[in-house]
Amino acid sequence: MLTDRQSLILCGFMAVGIFVGGLLDILDNFLTLTILTIIFSAILVNIFIQKKRHREEINDSDNIE
């Protein structure tokens, strides 16, 4: 789904968004929360997809031998 570089960029946006949102006191804003939640969800989905793909690769390599 996402490459490692894209995941790191999303994590950076998330960290900067939380930091700036906290400084400006706009974390209660609906739009800010929605954007940060979407970024966080994309990161989590990517982690689970990559773990599943990694497990399938391990199982496939075990079946070949």
Protein backbone atom coordinates (compact mmCIF):
# COMPACT_ATOMS: atom_id res chain seq x y z
CA MET A 1 0.00 0.00 0.00
CA LEU A 2 2.40 2.71 1.19
CA THR A 3 6.15 2.67 0.90
CA ASP A 4 8.43 3.16 3.89
CA ARG A 5 9.19 6.70 2.81
CA GLN A 6 5.50 7.59 2.52
CA SER A 7 4.83 6.13 5.96
CA LEU A 8 7.62 8.22 7.47
CA ILE A 9 6.25 11.34 5.79
CA LEU A 10 2.78 10.62 7.19
CA CYS A 11 4.25 10.11 10.67
CA GLY A 12 6.05 13.44 10.32
CA PHE A 13 2.85 15.22 9.27
CA MET A 14 1.06 13.64 12.21
CA ALA A 15 3.71 14.75 14.70
CA VAL A 16 3.90 18.27 13.28
CA GLY A 17 0.10 18.48 13.17
CA ILE A 18 -0.25 17.52 16.82
CA PHE A 19 2.56 19.88 17.84
CA VAL A 20 1.25 22.88 15.91
CA GLY A 21 -2.33 22.10 16.87
CA GLY A 22 -1.33 22.02 20.52
CA LEU A 23 0.55 25.29 20.27
CA LEU A 24 -2.32 27.04 18.52
CA ASP A 25 -4.93 25.35 20.73
CA ILE A 26 -6.92 24.08 17.73
CA LEU A 27 -6.95 20.37 18.56
CA ASP A 28 -10.63 20.68 19.53
CA ASN A 29 -11.47 21.84 16.02
CA PHE A 30 -13.46 19.22 14.07
CA LEU A 31 -11.49 19.67 10.86
CA THR A 32 -8.14 19.31 12.63
CA LEU A 33 -9.26 16.16 14.43
CA THR A 34 -10.62 14.69 11.20
CA ILE A 35 -7.38 15.25 9.29
CA LEU A 36 -5.22 13.85 12.11
CA THR A 37 -7.54 10.84 12.52
CA ILE A 38 -7.38 10.04 8.79
CA ILE A 39 -3.58 10.24 8.82
CA PHE A 40 -3.41 8.03 11.93
CA SER A 41 -5.83 5.50 10.40
CA ALA A 42 -3.79 5.32 7.18
CA ILE A 43 -0.64 4.62 9.19
CA LEU A 44 -2.34 1.85 11.21
CA VAL A 45 -3.90 0.22 8.15
CA ASN A 46 -0.53 0.25 6.43
CA ILE A 47 1.14 -1.41 9.43
CA PHE A 48 -1.42 -4.24 9.51
CA ILE A 49 -1.27 -4.79 5.75
CA GLN A 50 2.52 -4.97 5.81
CA LYS A 51 2.49 -7.42 8.76
CA LYS A 52 0.00 -9.65 6.95
CA ARG A 53 2.02 -9.54 3.74
CA HIS A 54 5.20 -10.38 5.65
CA ARG A 55 3.53 -13.38 7.32
CA GLU A 56 2.27 -14.64 3.95
CA GLU A 57 5.78 -14.36 2.49
CA ILE A 58 7.19 -16.37 5.40
CA ASN A 59 4.51 -19.05 5.00
CA ASP A 60 5.13 -19.24 1.25
CA SER A 61 8.87 -19.66 1.73
CA ASP A 62 8.26 -22.43 4.31
CA ASN A 63 5.99 -24.28 1.89
CA ILE A 64 8.59 -24.20 -0.89
CA GLU A 65 11.18 -26.07 1.16
